[in-house]
Amino acid sequence: MRLPRRTVRFRLTLLYGGLFLASGAALLAVTYVLVKYAMDSTPVKAPAPGDLGVRADPGMGEMLSVLPPEEVESQKAEVLQQLVGASGIALALMSGLSIVLGWVVAGRTLGRIRTITATTRDISATNLHRRLALDGPADELKELGDTIDALLTRLEDAFRSQRRFVGNASHELRTPLNRQRVIGQVALADPEAGVESLRAAHERILVAGEQQARLLESLLTLSRGEAGLDVRDPFDLAALCQEVAGAREAEAAARGLVIRAQVGAAVASGHRALAERLVVNLVDNALRHNVPGGWVEVGVRTAAGSAVLTVENSGPLVPPDAVEGLFQPFQRMGAARTGEGLGLGLSIVQAVAAAHDAAVTAVARPGGGLSVTVAFPPQNA
């Protein structure tokens, strides 16, 4: 015969029955000891000469006191034996009843767990909007249900964000491909195409290919940043920012902008190449989304043991409620923040910062532009 499957209900039933049996056996043993002690403590008197063994209208104690000691001991043993037998039968019956009641109680207790299991099993990527929504008292099972509902909410948000990201990435990748195809088809369809026109067409195709390569590189950087860091090494954040600011001076001058670097000693821990990409994206973002005659300021300082990077720039006005959306992949704000950018700069900044356990704070400046602060954690944290 196959044994019953060891479900939680089965184990709880055995536990309830075992606890009742153990407590009942202990109670029986205590009762036996107490009864035996009470009977042994009753004094036994030897019968007087000519005593028949029973007095008129006697009490139980008096009846025993006048019996011969051998008969008294025999009656004590018989009473104790009857006590053990009757108590054992009662214990067996109550143990069986406790197993039945334990099975029922365990089933009622685990009913909500079965509901959680069945509902969670039915939820998939296509119906993540469903929730358990358990009712009842605020106990551990209600807390478990609420925790699973919160997990489903986070999963739904993640799936929605992932689908939006895939759609946007597909659109961004399709645009340069379509441009390349159209340019090539127009050049080939021209019966009078000469060397110069074909050269110009190929140059435009190469420009579209470079845009596609930059987009793929940005996507790879974003994926690498979201994967986290396995090894962290200390690096000089101040020197890194000075290098980036110095390398962008010519571009800033060509745009009619001024770039300033105010750096102090600051050492961060993490991946230097990814941190460099973070600084480059912040500076490039500040240069692209600016106004003629504007400025970009890169600042580095140490605060409470943390290396703090701040990139601030002039530029068009940014609504405060639109700042958070700029960190979403492929999200741009109006015509003022479109054009040469891919819409991934600040997304990569956020991903790299998260990989370094750094906090990113962006604030819209009242006069226009943004102020972005990245606070790296202390090295001993």
Protein backbone atom coordinates (compact mmCIF):
# COMPACT_ATOMS: atom_id res chain seq x y z
CA MET A 1 0.00 0.00 0.00
CA ARG A 2 1.22 3.48 -0.87
CA LEU A 3 1.62 5.90 1.99
CA PRO A 4 -0.32 9.18 1.84
CA ARG A 5 1.50 12.06 0.21
CA ARG A 6 3.30 14.09 2.87
CA THR A 7 1.48 17.33 2.37
CA VAL A 8 1.55 20.17 4.86
CA ARG A 9 -1.97 19.25 5.93
CA PHE A 10 -0.90 15.64 6.53
CA ARG A 11 2.13 16.73 8.55
CA LEU A 12 0.10 19.20 10.61
CA THR A 13 -2.46 16.50 11.35
CA LEU A 14 0.26 14.15 12.55
CA LEU A 15 1.73 16.96 14.60
CA TYR A 16 -1.60 17.78 16.25
CA GLY A 17 -2.30 14.10 16.94
CA GLY A 18 1.20 13.46 18.25
CA LEU A 19 1.07 16.48 20.57
CA PHE A 20 -2.31 15.42 21.93
CA LEU A 21 -1.13 11.83 22.43
CA ALA A 22 2.03 12.98 24.20
CA SER A 23 0.17 15.43 26.45
CA GLY A 24 -2.54 12.83 27.18
CA ALA A 25 0.04 10.17 28.06
CA ALA A 26 1.80 12.65 30.34
CA LEU A 27 -1.51 13.51 32.01
CA LEU A 28 -2.27 9.80 32.47
CA ALA A 29 1.14 9.20 34.03
CA VAL A 30 0.70 12.14 36.43
CA THR A 31 -2.78 10.95 37.38
CA TYR A 32 -1.48 7.43 38.00
CA VAL A 33 1.29 8.71 40.23
CA LEU A 34 -1.04 10.96 42.21
CA VAL A 35 -3.65 8.21 42.74
CA LYS A 36 -0.99 5.72 43.75
CA TYR A 37 0.53 8.24 46.14
CA ALA A 38 -2.90 8.95 47.70
CA MET A 39 -3.61 5.26 48.15
CA ASP A 40 -0.17 4.50 49.57
CA SER A 41 -0.46 7.34 52.05
CA THR A 42 -3.66 5.90 53.58
CA PRO A 43 -2.68 4.15 56.86
CA VAL A 44 -3.56 0.46 57.13
CA LYS A 45 -4.45 -0.90 60.58
CA ALA A 46 -4.25 -4.49 61.56
CA PRO A 47 -7.74 -5.95 62.37
CA ALA A 48 -8.60 -6.39 66.03
CA PRO A 49 -9.23 -9.89 67.33
CA GLY A 50 -12.72 -11.03 66.45
CA ASP A 51 -13.20 -8.18 63.89
CA LEU A 52 -15.17 -9.41 60.86
CA GLY A 53 -13.36 -6.96 58.59
CA VAL A 54 -16.32 -4.60 58.00
CA ARG A 55 -17.86 -2.21 60.46
CA ALA A 56 -21.40 -0.95 60.48
CA ASP A 57 -21.93 2.02 58.12
CA PRO A 58 -18.23 2.57 57.60
CA GLY A 59 -16.49 4.97 55.23
CA MET A 60 -14.19 3.70 52.51
CA GLY A 61 -11.12 4.51 54.50
CA GLU A 62 -12.45 2.64 57.48
CA MET A 63 -13.37 -0.35 55.32
CA LEU A 64 -9.81 -0.57 54.02
CA SER A 65 -8.33 0.03 57.38
CA VAL A 66 -9.85 -3.07 58.86
CA LEU A 67 -8.99 -5.42 55.97
CA PRO A 68 -5.91 -7.58 56.07
CA PRO A 69 -2.87 -5.81 54.50
CA GLU A 70 -2.56 -8.42 51.73
CA GLU A 71 -6.15 -7.79 50.61
CA VAL A 72 -5.68 -4.04 50.79
CA GLU A 73 -2.63 -4.21 48.52
CA SER A 74 -4.50 -6.47 46.11
CA GLN A 75 -7.40 -4.00 45.90
CA LYS A 76 -4.99 -1.11 45.36
CA ALA A 77 -3.34 -2.93 42.47
CA GLU A 78 -6.73 -3.76 40.96
CA VAL A 79 -7.91 -0.14 41.21
CA LEU A 80 -4.71 1.12 39.58
CA GLN A 81 -5.00 -1.46 36.84
CA GLN A 82 -8.60 -0.44 36.11
CA LEU A 83 -7.52 3.22 36.11
CA VAL A 84 -4.78 2.54 33.57
CA GLY A 85 -7.05 0.46 31.34
CA ALA A 86 -9.94 2.95 31.35
CA SER A 87 -7.60 5.91 30.86
CA GLY A 88 -5.80 4.15 28.00
CA ILE A 89 -9.09 3.50 26.20
CA ALA A 90 -10.16 7.12 26.70
CA LEU A 91 -6.76 8.32 25.50
CA ALA A 92 -6.97 6.19 22.36
CA LEU A 93 -10.47 7.44 21.55
CA MET A 94 -9.53 11.08 22.13
CA SER A 95 -6.32 10.67 20.10
CA GLY A 96 -8.38 9.40 17.15
CA LEU A 97 -10.79 12.30 17.58
CA SER A 98 -7.89 14.75 17.76
CA ILE A 99 -6.51 13.40 14.47
CA VAL A 100 -9.88 13.93 12.77
CA LEU A 101 -10.25 17.41 14.24
CA GLY A 102 -6.63 18.21 13.36
CA TRP A 103 -7.26 17.21 9.75
CA VAL A 104 -10.31 19.48 9.59
CA VAL A 105 -8.62 22.42 11.32
CA ALA A 106 -5.48 22.08 9.17
CA GLY A 107 -7.62 22.06 6.04
CA ARG A 108 -9.43 25.22 7.08
CA THR A 109 -6.14 26.91 8.01
CA LEU A 110 -4.48 25.97 4.71
CA GLY A 111 -7.50 26.88 2.63
CA ARG A 112 -6.16 30.35 1.89
CA ILE A 113 -2.78 28.87 0.98
CA ARG A 114 -4.51 26.70 -1.60
CA THR A 115 -6.20 29.82 -2.91
CA ILE A 116 -2.82 31.56 -3.14
CA THR A 117 -1.29 28.58 -4.93
CA ALA A 118 -4.11 28.16 -7.44
CA THR A 119 -4.34 31.86 -8.27
CA THR A 120 -0.59 32.30 -8.57
CA ARG A 121 -0.37 29.24 -10.84
CA ASP A 122 -2.96 30.77 -13.18
CA ILE A 123 -1.15 34.12 -13.42
CA SER A 124 1.19 34.43 -16.39
CA ALA A 125 2.86 37.19 -18.40
CA THR A 126 -0.44 37.87 -20.19
CA ASN A 127 -2.55 38.52 -17.08
CA LEU A 128 -0.16 40.05 -14.57
CA HIS A 129 -2.91 42.50 -13.69
CA ARG A 130 -4.62 39.83 -11.56
CA ARG A 131 -4.20 40.00 -7.79
CA LEU A 132 -4.89 37.63 -4.91
CA ALA A 133 -6.65 40.29 -2.82
CA LEU A 134 -6.99 38.04 0.21
CA ASP A 135 -9.50 39.00 2.86
CA GLY A 136 -9.73 37.87 6.45
CA PRO A 137 -7.70 38.70 9.54
CA ALA A 138 -4.35 40.43 9.21
CA ASP A 139 -2.31 37.33 9.97
CA GLU A 140 0.75 35.74 8.35
CA LEU A 141 -1.28 34.36 5.44
CA LYS A 142 -2.77 37.79 4.70
CA GLU A 143 0.75 39.24 4.82
CA LEU A 144 1.96 36.54 2.40
CA GLY A 145 -0.87 37.34 -0.01
CA ASP A 146 -0.16 41.08 0.14
CA THR A 147 3.54 40.40 -0.46
CA ILE A 148 2.76 38.34 -3.56
CA ASP A 149 0.42 41.08 -4.80
CA ALA A 150 3.21 43.63 -4.39
CA LEU A 151 5.58 41.30 -6.27
CA LEU A 152 3.06 40.96 -9.10
CA THR A 153 2.77 44.74 -9.28
CA ARG A 154 6.53 45.09 -9.64
CA LEU A 155 6.60 42.32 -12.26
CA GLU A 156 3.80 43.97 -14.21
CA ASP A 157 5.67 47.29 -14.20
CA ALA A 158 8.88 45.55 -15.26
CA PHE A 159 7.16 43.67 -18.11
CA ARG A 160 5.43 46.85 -19.27
CA SER A 161 8.71 48.74 -19.20
CA GLN A 162 10.48 45.92 -21.03
CA ARG A 163 7.84 45.79 -23.76
CA ARG A 164 8.01 49.55 -24.16
CA PHE A 165 11.80 49.39 -24.30
CA VAL A 166 11.79 46.64 -26.95
CA GLY A 167 9.28 48.56 -29.03
CA ASN A 168 11.26 51.78 -28.82
CA ALA A 169 14.54 50.02 -29.54
CA SER A 170 13.02 48.31 -32.58
CA HIS A 171 11.76 51.66 -33.85
CA GLU A 172 15.12 53.36 -33.29
CA LEU A 173 16.99 50.53 -35.04
CA ARG A 174 14.51 50.46 -37.92
CA THR A 175 14.91 54.17 -38.68
CA PRO A 176 18.57 54.11 -39.86
CA LEU A 177 17.96 50.84 -41.69
CA ASN A 178 15.05 52.34 -43.60
CA ARG A 179 17.10 55.44 -44.34
CA GLN A 180 19.93 53.33 -45.72
CA ARG A 181 17.57 51.33 -47.91
CA VAL A 182 15.80 54.40 -49.28
CA ILE A 183 19.09 56.15 -50.05
CA GLY A 184 20.42 53.08 -51.82
CA GLN A 185 17.19 52.56 -53.82
CA VAL A 186 17.06 56.19 -54.92
CA ALA A 187 20.70 56.10 -56.00
CA LEU A 188 20.20 52.87 -57.97
CA ALA A 189 16.95 54.07 -59.57
CA ASP A 190 18.59 57.18 -61.00
CA PRO A 191 19.58 56.30 -64.60
CA GLU A 192 21.85 59.33 -64.81
CA ALA A 193 23.64 58.71 -61.49
CA GLY A 194 27.25 59.68 -61.64
CA VAL A 195 30.24 59.10 -59.42
CA GLU A 196 29.56 62.17 -57.30
CA SER A 197 25.92 61.34 -56.67
CA LEU A 198 26.75 57.74 -55.80
CA ARG A 199 29.55 58.93 -53.50
CA ALA A 200 27.14 61.28 -51.74
CA ALA A 201 24.61 58.47 -51.37
CA HIS A 202 27.21 56.15 -49.89
CA GLU A 203 28.34 58.86 -47.49
CA ARG A 204 24.78 59.28 -46.28
CA ILE A 205 24.50 55.50 -45.91
CA LEU A 206 27.69 55.52 -43.83
CA VAL A 207 26.27 58.26 -41.60
CA ALA A 208 23.14 56.18 -41.01
CA GLY A 209 25.34 53.17 -40.27
CA GLU A 210 27.33 55.19 -37.72
CA GLN A 211 24.09 56.21 -36.03
CA GLN A 212 23.05 52.58 -35.90
CA ALA A 213 26.44 51.57 -34.46
CA ARG A 214 26.19 54.27 -31.77
CA LEU A 215 22.72 53.06 -30.86
CA LEU A 216 23.89 49.45 -30.56
CA GLU A 217 26.86 50.51 -28.45
CA SER A 218 24.54 52.49 -26.19
CA LEU A 219 22.21 49.51 -25.82
CA LEU A 220 25.14 47.27 -24.91
CA THR A 221 26.33 49.80 -22.33
CA LEU A 222 22.84 50.03 -20.89
CA SER A 223 22.61 46.24 -20.64
CA ARG A 224 26.03 46.02 -19.04
CA GLY A 225 25.14 48.65 -16.47
CA GLU A 226 21.89 46.90 -15.55
CA ALA A 227 23.78 43.60 -15.08
CA GLY A 228 25.66 44.99 -12.05
CA LEU A 229 29.31 44.78 -11.08
CA ASP A 230 31.22 41.68 -10.04
CA VAL A 231 34.46 43.47 -9.13
CA ARG A 232 34.89 46.95 -7.70
CA ASP A 233 38.18 48.82 -7.81
CA PRO A 234 38.92 52.30 -6.51
CA PHE A 235 39.41 55.05 -9.11
CA ASP A 236 40.05 58.78 -9.05
CA LEU A 237 36.73 60.40 -9.93
CA ALA A 238 38.26 63.89 -9.96
CA ALA A 239 40.90 62.96 -12.55
CA LEU A 240 38.32 61.15 -14.65
CA CYS A 241 36.04 64.22 -14.75
CA GLN A 242 38.95 66.50 -15.63
CA GLU A 243 39.81 64.25 -18.57
CA VAL A 244 36.24 64.24 -19.85
CA ALA A 245 35.82 67.99 -19.44
CA GLY A 246 39.14 68.65 -21.19
CA ALA A 247 38.23 66.38 -24.09
CA ARG A 248 34.93 68.24 -24.58
CA GLU A 249 36.35 71.80 -24.61
CA ALA A 250 36.67 71.91 -28.38
CA GLU A 251 33.09 70.67 -28.90
CA ALA A 252 31.83 73.18 -26.34
CA ALA A 253 33.63 76.02 -28.12
CA ALA A 254 32.18 74.91 -31.47
CA ARG A 255 28.70 75.11 -29.96
CA GLY A 256 29.38 78.51 -28.45
CA LEU A 257 29.39 77.13 -24.92
CA VAL A 258 31.76 77.34 -21.99
CA ILE A 259 32.63 74.23 -20.01
CA ARG A 260 34.08 74.59 -16.51
CA ALA A 261 35.47 71.94 -14.17
CA GLN A 262 35.60 72.52 -10.42
CA VAL A 263 36.94 69.30 -8.98
CA GLY A 264 38.30 68.37 -5.60
CA ALA A 265 39.91 65.18 -4.41
CA ALA A 266 37.39 62.34 -4.60
CA VAL A 267 37.89 58.59 -4.90
CA ALA A 268 35.05 56.25 -5.83
CA SER A 269 34.85 52.47 -6.09
CA GLY A 270 33.53 50.51 -9.03
CA HIS A 271 34.21 50.06 -12.75
CA ARG A 272 36.18 53.00 -14.14
CA ALA A 273 35.16 52.46 -17.78
CA LEU A 274 31.46 52.43 -16.91
CA ALA A 275 31.91 55.42 -14.63
CA GLU A 276 33.61 57.24 -17.48
CA ARG A 277 30.62 56.48 -19.71
CA LEU A 278 28.37 57.94 -16.99
CA VAL A 279 30.35 61.19 -16.90
CA VAL A 280 30.58 61.38 -20.70
CA ASN A 281 26.84 60.93 -21.10
CA LEU A 282 26.09 63.62 -18.52
CA VAL A 283 28.46 66.10 -20.15
CA ASP A 284 27.29 65.28 -23.69
CA ASN A 285 23.69 65.62 -22.59
CA ALA A 286 24.48 69.03 -21.08
CA LEU A 287 26.23 70.14 -24.28
CA ARG A 288 23.50 69.00 -26.65
CA HIS A 289 20.55 70.37 -24.74
CA ASN A 290 21.83 73.87 -24.19
CA VAL A 291 21.43 77.37 -25.63
CA PRO A 292 23.92 79.55 -27.52
CA GLY A 293 26.20 81.35 -25.12
CA GLY A 294 25.39 78.87 -22.37
CA TRP A 295 27.64 76.96 -20.02
CA VAL A 296 28.30 73.54 -18.54
CA GLU A 297 29.81 73.04 -15.11
CA VAL A 298 31.29 69.77 -13.85
CA GLY A 299 31.89 69.57 -10.11
CA VAL A 300 33.40 66.86 -7.93
CA ARG A 301 33.61 66.88 -4.15
CA THR A 302 33.71 64.56 -1.17
CA ALA A 303 30.83 64.63 1.30
CA ALA A 304 30.50 62.28 4.30
CA GLY A 305 33.01 59.90 2.74
CA SER A 306 31.12 59.76 -0.56
CA ALA A 307 32.39 60.95 -3.92
CA VAL A 308 29.78 63.33 -5.34
CA LEU A 309 29.60 64.31 -9.01
CA THR A 310 27.48 67.25 -10.18
CA VAL A 311 26.90 68.24 -13.81
CA GLU A 312 24.93 71.44 -14.22
CA ASN A 313 24.09 73.29 -17.41
CA SER A 314 22.11 76.16 -18.81
CA GLY A 315 19.49 75.42 -21.42
CA PRO A 316 15.79 75.53 -22.19
CA LEU A 317 13.26 75.37 -19.40
CA VAL A 318 12.44 71.86 -18.21
CA PRO A 319 9.12 71.28 -16.37
CA PRO A 320 9.87 69.75 -12.96
CA ASP A 321 7.33 66.98 -13.53
CA ALA A 322 9.10 65.96 -16.76
CA VAL A 323 12.54 65.39 -15.21
CA GLU A 324 11.87 61.82 -14.10
CA GLY A 325 10.68 60.83 -17.57
CA LEU A 326 14.00 61.91 -19.12
CA PHE A 327 15.67 58.90 -17.47
CA GLN A 328 13.41 56.47 -19.32
CA PRO A 329 14.89 54.85 -22.46
CA PHE A 330 14.10 56.72 -25.70
CA GLN A 331 12.11 59.37 -23.86
CA ARG A 332 12.68 62.92 -25.07
CA MET A 333 11.00 66.14 -24.10
CA GLY A 334 9.67 68.09 -27.03
CA ALA A 335 11.63 69.47 -29.94
CA ALA A 336 14.13 71.19 -27.65
CA ARG A 337 15.48 67.84 -26.52
CA THR A 338 15.48 65.91 -29.79
CA GLY A 339 17.79 65.73 -32.74
CA GLU A 340 21.25 64.25 -32.50
CA GLY A 341 20.65 62.39 -29.25
CA LEU A 342 19.48 58.79 -29.09
CA GLY A 343 17.34 59.14 -25.99
CA LEU A 344 19.53 56.73 -24.03
CA GLY A 345 22.06 59.05 -22.39
CA LEU A 346 20.34 59.55 -19.05
CA SER A 347 19.04 55.96 -19.06
CA ILE A 348 22.63 54.74 -19.24
CA VAL A 349 23.56 57.17 -16.46
CA GLN A 350 20.87 55.71 -14.23
CA ALA A 351 21.83 52.10 -15.05
CA VAL A 352 25.55 52.69 -14.40
CA ALA A 353 24.76 54.53 -11.18
CA ALA A 354 22.55 51.67 -10.02
CA ALA A 355 25.36 49.21 -10.78
CA HIS A 356 27.63 51.29 -8.51
CA ASP A 357 24.91 51.62 -5.81
CA ALA A 358 25.07 55.37 -6.43
CA ALA A 359 22.14 57.74 -5.96
CA VAL A 360 21.11 59.93 -8.91
CA THR A 361 19.23 63.18 -8.35
CA ALA A 362 18.09 65.47 -11.16
CA VAL A 363 16.58 68.90 -10.63
CA ALA A 364 15.26 71.36 -13.20
CA ARG A 365 16.99 74.72 -12.83
CA PRO A 366 14.65 77.72 -12.53
CA GLY A 367 16.57 79.56 -15.27
CA GLY A 368 16.58 76.57 -17.60
CA GLY A 369 18.66 73.45 -17.92
CA LEU A 370 19.31 70.60 -15.50
CA SER A 371 21.40 69.87 -12.45
CA VAL A 372 22.26 66.18 -12.08
CA THR A 373 24.02 64.84 -8.98
CA VAL A 374 25.48 61.36 -8.63
CA ALA A 375 26.58 60.35 -5.12
CA PHE A 376 28.80 57.26 -5.05
CA PRO A 377 28.72 55.26 -1.80
CA PRO A 378 31.73 55.37 0.55
CA GLN A 379 34.41 52.80 -0.29
CA ASN A 380 34.04 51.06 3.08
CA ALA A 381 30.24 50.82 2.77
